[in-house]
C-alpha cells in the first residue's frame, strides 16, 4: 500500500478578477504549504457544483484527524494494558510501581489524544487558520 502524502496540508483558492469586479473563486484545492502540486483540486459542493471551502477545509484537516485517531488508539491500548495489570494479583505483579506507571502512561496519552482531537476538529471547522 502506498503511503499518503504527509501533512501538514492547507487549503487555498484559485480564481480571477476582472478590472472593477470582485475576485471570483473558481476552485479550492489542498496542498502542502509551499508546494505547487495539489493533493486534491476542484473541491466542490456536490449539491450545488460550486467551489466548497468547507469541504476543502475538512480534506486539509485529514492528517490531523488521522493523528488524533492514532493517539486515541494508543490510549485505548494503554488502558487495556492497565486493566490487565489491575486484574493481576499483587503477588504476581512484582511491585505496585508497574501499576502506577501504567496508569500514568494511560492518563498522559489520553491528554495528548484529547488535545490532538480538539485541534483537528477546530481545523476541520475552520476555527483556526488553515
Protein backbone atom coordinates (compact mmCIF):
# COMPACT_ATOMS: atom_id res chain seq x y z
CA UNK A 1 0.00 0.00 0.00
CA UNK A 2 1.30 3.44 -0.89
CA UNK A 3 1.69 5.90 1.96
CA UNK A 4 -0.33 9.10 1.87
CA UNK A 5 1.31 12.49 1.46
CA UNK A 6 2.49 13.54 4.92
CA UNK A 7 0.99 16.66 6.50
CA UNK A 8 0.61 19.38 7.22
CA UNK A 9 -1.85 20.22 4.49
CA UNK A 10 -3.52 23.52 3.81
CA UNK A 11 -6.31 24.62 1.54
CA UNK A 12 -6.29 27.62 -0.70
CA UNK A 13 -8.33 29.03 -3.53
CA UNK A 14 -7.76 29.92 -7.14
CA UNK A 15 -9.77 32.44 -9.00
CA UNK A 16 -9.76 35.51 -11.11
CA UNK A 17 -10.82 39.14 -11.04
CA UNK A 18 -11.70 41.44 -13.86
CA UNK A 19 -10.99 45.12 -13.56
CA UNK A 20 -13.69 46.74 -11.47
CA UNK A 21 -15.26 43.43 -10.41
CA UNK A 22 -14.79 41.43 -7.20
CA UNK A 23 -12.46 38.46 -7.03
CA UNK A 24 -14.29 35.28 -8.04
CA UNK A 25 -13.19 31.95 -6.60
CA UNK A 26 -13.15 29.26 -9.28
CA UNK A 27 -11.92 26.39 -7.11
CA UNK A 28 -10.44 25.31 -3.80
CA UNK A 29 -7.56 22.92 -3.62
CA UNK A 30 -5.48 21.21 -0.93
CA UNK A 31 -1.69 21.16 -0.93
CA UNK A 32 1.29 21.08 1.36
CA UNK A 33 2.47 24.54 2.43
CA UNK A 34 4.91 25.99 -0.08
CA UNK A 35 4.09 23.27 -2.62
CA UNK A 36 2.53 23.98 -6.01
CA UNK A 37 1.25 20.43 -6.52
CA UNK A 38 -2.32 19.85 -5.38
CA UNK A 39 -3.21 16.86 -3.23
CA UNK A 40 -6.86 17.48 -4.09
CA UNK A 41 -8.27 20.00 -6.53
CA UNK A 42 -11.57 21.27 -7.85
CA UNK A 43 -13.22 20.68 -4.48
CA UNK A 44 -16.94 21.25 -4.99
CA UNK A 45 -20.18 21.03 -3.10
CA UNK A 46 -21.89 18.09 -4.86
CA UNK A 47 -25.32 19.64 -4.34
CA UNK A 48 -24.52 22.98 -5.97
CA UNK A 49 -21.44 22.18 -8.09
CA UNK A 50 -19.92 25.35 -6.62
CA UNK A 51 -16.45 25.56 -5.04
CA UNK A 52 -16.68 24.39 -1.41
CA UNK A 53 -14.44 25.95 1.20
CA UNK A 54 -15.89 23.76 3.96
CA UNK A 55 -15.09 20.55 2.04
CA UNK A 56 -11.57 21.83 1.31
CA UNK A 57 -11.11 22.66 4.99
CA UNK A 58 -12.20 19.16 6.02
CA UNK A 59 -9.89 17.48 3.50
CA UNK A 60 -6.94 19.63 4.59
CA UNK A 61 -7.55 18.53 8.20
CA UNK A 62 -7.16 14.83 7.28
CA UNK A 63 -3.56 14.43 8.57
CA UNK A 64 -4.58 16.00 11.89
CA UNK A 65 -7.68 13.81 12.15
CA UNK A 66 -5.55 10.73 11.44
CA UNK A 67 -3.05 11.72 14.15
CA UNK A 68 -5.90 12.19 16.62
CA UNK A 69 -7.34 8.76 15.80
CA UNK A 70 -3.93 7.14 16.19
CA UNK A 71 -3.44 8.84 19.57
CA UNK A 72 -6.86 7.61 20.71
CA UNK A 73 -5.94 4.10 19.59
CA UNK A 74 -2.71 4.23 21.59
CA UNK A 75 -4.60 5.46 24.67
CA UNK A 76 -7.00 2.54 24.30
CA UNK A 77 -4.10 0.07 24.13
CA UNK A 78 -2.55 1.59 27.26
CA UNK A 79 -5.91 1.40 29.04
CA UNK A 80 -6.26 -2.28 28.14
CA UNK A 81 -2.75 -2.96 29.47
CA UNK A 82 -3.51 -1.08 32.70
CA UNK A 83 -6.77 -3.02 33.16
CA UNK A 84 -4.92 -6.34 32.69
CA UNK A 85 -2.40 -5.28 35.34
CA UNK A 86 -5.23 -4.37 37.71
CA UNK A 87 -6.57 -7.92 37.41
CA UNK A 88 -3.16 -9.41 38.23
CA UNK A 89 -2.71 -10.44 41.87
CA UNK A 90 -0.19 -8.16 43.57
CA UNK A 91 1.93 -11.20 44.41
CA UNK A 92 2.41 -11.89 40.68
CA UNK A 93 2.63 -8.23 39.70
CA UNK A 94 6.02 -7.84 41.36
CA UNK A 95 5.56 -4.30 42.59
CA UNK A 96 2.96 -1.59 42.62
CA UNK A 97 5.18 0.69 40.52
CA UNK A 98 4.16 -1.10 37.32
CA UNK A 99 0.51 -0.43 38.09
CA UNK A 100 1.16 3.23 38.92
CA UNK A 101 3.35 3.71 35.84
CA UNK A 102 0.81 2.10 33.51
CA UNK A 103 -1.90 4.38 34.86
CA UNK A 104 0.32 7.46 34.40
CA UNK A 105 1.17 6.46 30.81
CA UNK A 106 -2.51 5.90 30.01
CA UNK A 107 -3.55 9.20 31.59
CA UNK A 108 -0.82 11.13 29.73
CA UNK A 109 -1.81 9.56 26.41
CA UNK A 110 -5.46 10.41 26.99
CA UNK A 111 -4.45 14.06 27.45
CA UNK A 112 -2.35 14.00 24.25
CA UNK A 113 -5.21 12.40 22.32
CA UNK A 114 -7.69 14.94 23.67
CA UNK A 115 -5.57 17.89 22.56
CA UNK A 116 -4.96 16.39 19.10
CA UNK A 117 -8.67 15.70 18.72
CA UNK A 118 -9.68 19.24 19.73
CA UNK A 119 -7.09 20.74 17.40
CA UNK A 120 -8.12 18.56 14.45
CA UNK A 121 -11.80 19.34 14.92
CA UNK A 122 -11.08 23.06 15.14
CA UNK A 123 -9.03 22.91 11.94
CA UNK A 124 -11.76 20.99 10.12
CA UNK A 125 -14.36 23.51 11.25
CA UNK A 126 -12.23 26.49 10.28
CA UNK A 127 -11.87 27.70 13.86
CA UNK A 128 -8.11 28.04 13.33
CA UNK A 129 -6.23 29.49 10.39
CA UNK A 130 -5.84 26.96 7.55
